[in-house]
Amino acid sequence: MILFPSLLTATSYARGYGRLSAYRRSAGHSAQQPGTVGAAHDREGFALSQLPSIVTKTGAFLGLKSVMVSVEPGLAGVCLALSARGIELALWEILENAIKFHPTQSPQVDVSASCNGASQPCAKACLRIVDDGMTLSPGQLAQVWMPY
């Protein structure tokens, strides 16, 4: 089953591609341009069972000391309609921002995947990333989705 998350866009994917490419090169991976065909899991979707591995590797590379990851058991075989590369890029940007905007640059981060709704099998997945850093004011939150 492939689920479609609504918050990630091609723009956010392309914005951090350069940094992810540098990370992947330094980690011994070959980077491909966005939109090219990669591994089989990139064509078929991102299996949520891969989430702990990607979060742990990305957090370690960024120097995060405290990252907790959990995937609801019912989502073990669920795939998102995003590539592993897209998820990795989004996590890179979000975790990097968590560090950048934390008062001591050492946030505690909790990443979780859960079923959003009561339907079985799960029709919508919720990918939630929470840190203990600064929060935005109501005025700032209202502008979050506005283009620069």
Foldseek 3Di string as FASTA:
>chain_A
DAAEDDPDDVVLQVVQLVVVCVVCVVVPHHDDDPPDDDDPCQQVAAQCLCVVVLLVVLCVVVPADAEAEEEPPLRRGYGYNHGPSSVSSVSNVVLCVLQVQAPNSHKHKYWYKDQDDDDPPRRHIDTDIDIPGDDDDPVVVVCPPPDD
